[in-house]
């Protein structure tokens, strides 16, 4: 699909932009593996389930930042005809997330790493596990997303830090 859009953009038949993003995390009803298995469980005082590896680096994008960045790109005529990687803070591990959450919660958190083979076994019985199965191999290695082009083109765009994002999710959800 991306190649088709790029081809149409290059031919001049389509005036568009492509915005790419890594996994989302954020407030409210954000749907992601990170929100579902980690952050929502912290909020509900349930054991955290870390997919595959707690130490690999993950680049995540704060959902409100993604929305603001796409609006900015969409309202910048010179941005058209290009592919943009939306702006993200530096990569962090799930262990970093646990450490921050423990700091904000003021207590140690219970968590366990779910190995890839357990997810694969679960695909035999669970539709949700089947839907996740194509994404999970990405959790075995560092996932580094580079948004330098965006940061250079829009230097005044404020990116929510990982620490601030985690704090906001936990505080917002604690408040109700």
C-alpha atoms as a PDB file:
ATOM      1  CA  UNK A   1       0.000   0.000   0.000  1.00  0.00           C
ATOM      2  CA  UNK A   2       2.784   2.413   0.917  1.00  0.00           C
ATOM      3  CA  UNK A   3       4.524   1.757  -2.402  1.00  0.00           C
ATOM      4  CA  UNK A   4       1.294   2.488  -4.295  1.00  0.00           C
ATOM      5  CA  UNK A   5       0.831   5.772  -2.430  1.00  0.00           C
ATOM      6  CA  UNK A   6       4.492   6.701  -3.000  1.00  0.00           C
ATOM      7  CA  UNK A   7       4.172   5.935  -6.709  1.00  0.00           C
ATOM      8  CA  UNK A   8       1.081   8.124  -7.005  1.00  0.00           C
ATOM      9  CA  UNK A   9       2.783  10.921  -5.058  1.00  0.00           C
ATOM     10  CA  UNK A  10       5.849  10.762  -7.333  1.00  0.00           C
ATOM     11  CA  UNK A  11       3.701  10.893 -10.472  1.00  0.00           C
ATOM     12  CA  UNK A  12       1.897  13.986  -9.187  1.00  0.00           C
ATOM     13  CA  UNK A  13      -1.514  12.294  -9.251  1.00  0.00           C
ATOM     14  CA  UNK A  14      -1.785  12.334  -5.466  1.00  0.00           C
ATOM     15  CA  UNK A  15      -0.973  15.217  -3.149  1.00  0.00           C
ATOM     16  CA  UNK A  16      -0.280  13.426   0.134  1.00  0.00           C
ATOM     17  CA  UNK A  17       2.121  12.670   2.945  1.00  0.00           C
ATOM     18  CA  UNK A  18       2.971   9.412   4.666  1.00  0.00           C
ATOM     19  CA  UNK A  19       3.366   9.477   8.429  1.00  0.00           C
ATOM     20  CA  UNK A  20       5.031   6.520  10.121  1.00  0.00           C
ATOM     21  CA  UNK A  21       5.118   5.835  13.826  1.00  0.00           C
ATOM     22  CA  UNK A  22       6.396   3.161  16.206  1.00  0.00           C
ATOM     23  CA  UNK A  23       4.133   1.598  18.829  1.00  0.00           C
ATOM     24  CA  UNK A  24       1.795   4.002  20.600  1.00  0.00           C
ATOM     25  CA  UNK A  25       1.427   4.471  24.328  1.00  0.00           C
ATOM     26  CA  UNK A  26      -0.627   7.042  26.092  1.00  0.00           C
ATOM     27  CA  UNK A  27      -3.618   8.247  28.002  1.00  0.00           C
ATOM     28  CA  UNK A  28      -7.260   7.327  27.799  1.00  0.00           C
ATOM     29  CA  UNK A  29      -8.223   4.428  25.590  1.00  0.00           C
ATOM     30  CA  UNK A  30      -4.876   4.057  23.779  1.00  0.00           C
ATOM     31  CA  UNK A  31      -4.780   0.563  22.290  1.00  0.00           C
ATOM     32  CA  UNK A  32      -1.309  -0.966  22.198  1.00  0.00           C
ATOM     33  CA  UNK A  33       0.599  -3.918  23.537  1.00  0.00           C
ATOM     34  CA  UNK A  34       2.354  -1.636  26.010  1.00  0.00           C
ATOM     35  CA  UNK A  35      -0.851  -0.089  27.318  1.00  0.00           C
ATOM     36  CA  UNK A  36      -2.703  -3.420  27.437  1.00  0.00           C
ATOM     37  CA  UNK A  37      -0.081  -5.641  29.049  1.00  0.00           C
ATOM     38  CA  UNK A  38       1.936  -3.159  31.093  1.00  0.00           C
ATOM     39  CA  UNK A  39       0.411   0.234  31.865  1.00  0.00           C
ATOM     40  CA  UNK A  40      -3.217  -0.851  32.316  1.00  0.00           C
ATOM     41  CA  UNK A  41      -2.089  -3.638  34.644  1.00  0.00           C
ATOM     42  CA  UNK A  42      -0.092  -1.188  36.753  1.00  0.00           C
ATOM     43  CA  UNK A  43      -3.130   1.057  37.047  1.00  0.00           C
ATOM     44  CA  UNK A  44      -5.359  -1.866  38.061  1.00  0.00           C
ATOM     45  CA  UNK A  45      -2.803  -3.270  40.550  1.00  0.00           C
ATOM     46  CA  UNK A  46      -2.508  -6.434  38.473  1.00  0.00           C
ATOM     47  CA  UNK A  47       0.742  -8.246  37.706  1.00  0.00           C
ATOM     48  CA  UNK A  48       2.468  -6.690  34.716  1.00  0.00           C
ATOM     49  CA  UNK A  49       3.044  -8.896  31.681  1.00  0.00           C
ATOM     50  CA  UNK A  50       6.131  -7.905  29.733  1.00  0.00           C
ATOM     51  CA  UNK A  51       6.208  -9.268  26.202  1.00  0.00           C
ATOM     52  CA  UNK A  52       9.300 -11.333  25.319  1.00  0.00           C
ATOM     53  CA  UNK A  53      12.158  -9.267  26.810  1.00  0.00           C
ATOM     54  CA  UNK A  54      12.349  -6.631  29.547  1.00  0.00           C
ATOM     55  CA  UNK A  55      15.719  -5.250  28.448  1.00  0.00           C
ATOM     56  CA  UNK A  56      15.396  -4.594  24.709  1.00  0.00           C
ATOM     57  CA  UNK A  57      15.042  -0.950  23.776  1.00  0.00           C
ATOM     58  CA  UNK A  58      11.658   0.167  22.443  1.00  0.00           C
ATOM     59  CA  UNK A  59      10.826   3.428  20.758  1.00  0.00           C
ATOM     60  CA  UNK A  60       7.289   4.436  21.686  1.00  0.00           C
ATOM     61  CA  UNK A  61       5.253   7.451  20.626  1.00  0.00           C
ATOM     62  CA  UNK A  62       2.952   9.335  22.969  1.00  0.00           C
ATOM     63  CA  UNK A  63      -0.467   9.341  21.259  1.00  0.00           C
ATOM     64  CA  UNK A  64      -1.163  13.076  21.755  1.00  0.00           C
ATOM     65  CA  UNK A  65       2.263  13.853  20.218  1.00  0.00           C
ATOM     66  CA  UNK A  66       1.405  11.683  17.198  1.00  0.00           C
ATOM     67  CA  UNK A  67      -1.874  13.554  16.710  1.00  0.00           C
ATOM     68  CA  UNK A  68      -0.268  16.977  17.027  1.00  0.00           C
ATOM     69  CA  UNK A  69       2.578  16.007  14.691  1.00  0.00           C
ATOM     70  CA  UNK A  70       0.224  14.712  11.985  1.00  0.00           C
ATOM     71  CA  UNK A  71      -1.857  17.900  12.233  1.00  0.00           C
ATOM     72  CA  UNK A  72       1.307  19.980  11.900  1.00  0.00           C
ATOM     73  CA  UNK A  73       2.498  18.016   8.866  1.00  0.00           C
ATOM     74  CA  UNK A  74      -0.962  18.147   7.282  1.00  0.00           C
ATOM     75  CA  UNK A  75      -1.034  21.920   7.655  1.00  0.00           C
ATOM     76  CA  UNK A  76       2.468  22.445   6.231  1.00  0.00           C
ATOM     77  CA  UNK A  77       2.301  22.585   2.415  1.00  0.00           C
ATOM     78  CA  UNK A  78       6.053  21.965   2.029  1.00  0.00           C
ATOM     79  CA  UNK A  79       5.682  18.673   3.954  1.00  0.00           C
ATOM     80  CA  UNK A  80       3.611  17.103   1.162  1.00  0.00           C
ATOM     81  CA  UNK A  81       5.117  14.543  -1.171  1.00  0.00           C
ATOM     82  CA  UNK A  82       7.290  13.125   1.601  1.00  0.00           C
ATOM     83  CA  UNK A  83       7.400  10.350   4.181  1.00  0.00           C
ATOM     84  CA  UNK A  84       7.723  11.462   7.793  1.00  0.00           C
ATOM     85  CA  UNK A  85       8.686   9.551  10.918  1.00  0.00           C
ATOM     86  CA  UNK A  86       6.669  11.082  13.726  1.00  0.00           C
ATOM     87  CA  UNK A  87       8.621  12.495  16.691  1.00  0.00           C
ATOM     88  CA  UNK A  88       9.540  10.286  19.630  1.00  0.00           C
ATOM     89  CA  UNK A  89      11.576  10.518  22.776  1.00  0.00           C
ATOM     90  CA  UNK A  90      14.656   8.312  23.094  1.00  0.00           C
ATOM     91  CA  UNK A  91      14.142   4.529  23.283  1.00  0.00           C
ATOM     92  CA  UNK A  92      13.664   2.829  26.646  1.00  0.00           C
ATOM     93  CA  UNK A  93      13.227  -0.713  27.877  1.00  0.00           C
ATOM     94  CA  UNK A  94      10.273  -2.242  29.690  1.00  0.00           C
ATOM     95  CA  UNK A  95      12.600  -2.414  32.697  1.00  0.00           C
ATOM     96  CA  UNK A  96      12.935   1.389  32.481  1.00  0.00           C
ATOM     97  CA  UNK A  97       9.139   1.617  32.422  1.00  0.00           C
ATOM     98  CA  UNK A  98       8.836  -0.621  35.488  1.00  0.00           C
ATOM     99  CA  UNK A  99      11.485   1.416  37.323  1.00  0.00           C
ATOM    100  CA  UNK A 100       9.640   4.680  36.585  1.00  0.00           C
ATOM    101  CA  UNK A 101       6.276   3.230  37.523  1.00  0.00           C
ATOM    102  CA  UNK A 102       7.680   1.950  40.827  1.00  0.00           C
ATOM    103  CA  UNK A 103       8.991   5.438  41.520  1.00  0.00           C
ATOM    104  CA  UNK A 104       5.604   7.032  40.761  1.00  0.00           C
ATOM    105  CA  UNK A 105       3.599   4.339  42.565  1.00  0.00           C
ATOM    106  CA  UNK A 106       5.937   4.326  45.563  1.00  0.00           C
ATOM    107  CA  UNK A 107       6.069   0.529  45.707  1.00  0.00           C
ATOM    108  CA  UNK A 108       7.614  -2.446  43.942  1.00  0.00           C
ATOM    109  CA  UNK A 109       5.560  -3.901  41.095  1.00  0.00           C
ATOM    110  CA  UNK A 110       4.953  -7.546  40.323  1.00  0.00           C
ATOM    111  CA  UNK A 111       5.794  -8.468  36.776  1.00  0.00           C
ATOM    112  CA  UNK A 112       6.823 -11.374  34.643  1.00  0.00           C
ATOM    113  CA  UNK A 113       8.306 -11.674  31.204  1.00  0.00           C
ATOM    114  CA  UNK A 114       6.190 -13.797  28.889  1.00  0.00           C
ATOM    115  CA  UNK A 115       8.513 -15.707  26.543  1.00  0.00           C
ATOM    116  CA  UNK A 116       7.792 -15.791  22.820  1.00  0.00           C
ATOM    117  CA  UNK A 117       7.061 -19.536  22.939  1.00  0.00           C
ATOM    118  CA  UNK A 118       4.214 -18.938  25.419  1.00  0.00           C
ATOM    119  CA  UNK A 119       2.638 -16.390  23.086  1.00  0.00           C
ATOM    120  CA  UNK A 120       2.982 -18.875  20.218  1.00  0.00           C
ATOM    121  CA  UNK A 121       1.298 -21.565  22.301  1.00  0.00           C
ATOM    122  CA  UNK A 122      -1.503 -19.142  23.188  1.00  0.00           C
ATOM    123  CA  UNK A 123      -2.235 -18.550  19.481  1.00  0.00           C
ATOM    124  CA  UNK A 124      -3.774 -22.032  19.425  1.00  0.00           C
ATOM    125  CA  UNK A 125      -6.460 -20.914  21.886  1.00  0.00           C
ATOM    126  CA  UNK A 126      -6.719 -17.122  21.739  1.00  0.00           C
ATOM    127  CA  UNK A 127      -7.762 -14.772  18.959  1.00  0.00           C
ATOM    128  CA  UNK A 128      -5.965 -11.895  20.734  1.00  0.00           C
ATOM    129  CA  UNK A 129      -2.715 -13.883  20.819  1.00  0.00           C
ATOM    130  CA  UNK A 130      -3.086 -14.684  17.101  1.00  0.00           C
ATOM    131  CA  UNK A 131      -3.494 -10.969  16.350  1.00  0.00           C
ATOM    132  CA  UNK A 132      -0.335 -10.151  18.346  1.00  0.00           C
ATOM    133  CA  UNK A 133       1.767 -12.974  16.909  1.00  0.00           C
ATOM    134  CA  UNK A 134       3.056 -11.072  13.886  1.00  0.00           C
ATOM    135  CA  UNK A 135       4.237  -8.163  16.057  1.00  0.00           C
ATOM    136  CA  UNK A 136       5.934 -10.133  18.825  1.00  0.00           C
ATOM    137  CA  UNK A 137       9.185 -11.028  17.018  1.00  0.00           C
ATOM    138  CA  UNK A 138       9.913  -7.282  17.054  1.00  0.00           C
ATOM    139  CA  UNK A 139      10.161  -7.526  20.832  1.00  0.00           C
ATOM    140  CA  UNK A 140      13.169  -9.856  20.664  1.00  0.00           C
ATOM    141  CA  UNK A 141      15.516  -7.068  19.551  1.00  0.00           C
ATOM    142  CA  UNK A 142      15.926  -3.339  19.973  1.00  0.00           C
ATOM    143  CA  UNK A 143      13.325  -1.356  18.042  1.00  0.00           C
ATOM    144  CA  UNK A 144      14.891   2.011  17.265  1.00  0.00           C
ATOM    145  CA  UNK A 145      12.825   4.570  15.368  1.00  0.00           C
ATOM    146  CA  UNK A 146      14.598   7.665  14.049  1.00  0.00           C
ATOM    147  CA  UNK A 147      12.593  10.879  13.713  1.00  0.00           C
ATOM    148  CA  UNK A 148      15.493  13.280  13.083  1.00  0.00           C
ATOM    149  CA  UNK A 149      13.965  14.637   9.838  1.00  0.00           C
ATOM    150  CA  UNK A 150      10.849  15.749  11.702  1.00  0.00           C
ATOM    151  CA  UNK A 151      12.859  17.227  14.568  1.00  0.00           C
ATOM    152  CA  UNK A 152      14.976  19.227  12.123  1.00  0.00           C
ATOM    153  CA  UNK A 153      11.984  20.469  10.102  1.00  0.00           C
ATOM    154  CA  UNK A 154       9.922  21.357  13.191  1.00  0.00           C
ATOM    155  CA  UNK A 155      12.474  22.254  15.889  1.00  0.00           C
ATOM    156  CA  UNK A 156       9.908  23.932  18.171  1.00  0.00           C
ATOM    157  CA  UNK A 157       7.688  20.849  18.425  1.00  0.00           C
ATOM    158  CA  UNK A 158       7.688  19.722  22.066  1.00  0.00           C
ATOM    159  CA  UNK A 159       8.011  15.959  22.460  1.00  0.00           C
ATOM    160  CA  UNK A 160       6.581  14.430  25.614  1.00  0.00           C
ATOM    161  CA  UNK A 161       9.381  12.667  27.457  1.00  0.00           C
ATOM    162  CA  UNK A 162       9.034   9.004  28.312  1.00  0.00           C
ATOM    163  CA  UNK A 163       9.092   9.842  32.024  1.00  0.00           C
ATOM    164  CA  UNK A 164       6.364  12.482  31.647  1.00  0.00           C
ATOM    165  CA  UNK A 165       4.216  10.149  29.544  1.00  0.00           C
ATOM    166  CA  UNK A 166       4.405   7.325  32.081  1.00  0.00           C
ATOM    167  CA  UNK A 167       3.659   9.762  34.901  1.00  0.00           C
ATOM    168  CA  UNK A 168       0.628  11.151  33.070  1.00  0.00           C
ATOM    169  CA  UNK A 169      -0.843   7.712  32.329  1.00  0.00           C
ATOM    170  CA  UNK A 170      -0.508   6.614  35.948  1.00  0.00           C
ATOM    171  CA  UNK A 171      -1.741   9.895  37.461  1.00  0.00           C
ATOM    172  CA  UNK A 172      -4.660  10.221  35.006  1.00  0.00           C
ATOM    173  CA  UNK A 173      -5.826   6.685  35.608  1.00  0.00           C
ATOM    174  CA  UNK A 174      -5.426   6.945  39.356  1.00  0.00           C
ATOM    175  CA  UNK A 175      -7.619  10.068  39.317  1.00  0.00           C
ATOM    176  CA  UNK A 176     -10.395   8.115  37.657  1.00  0.00           C
END
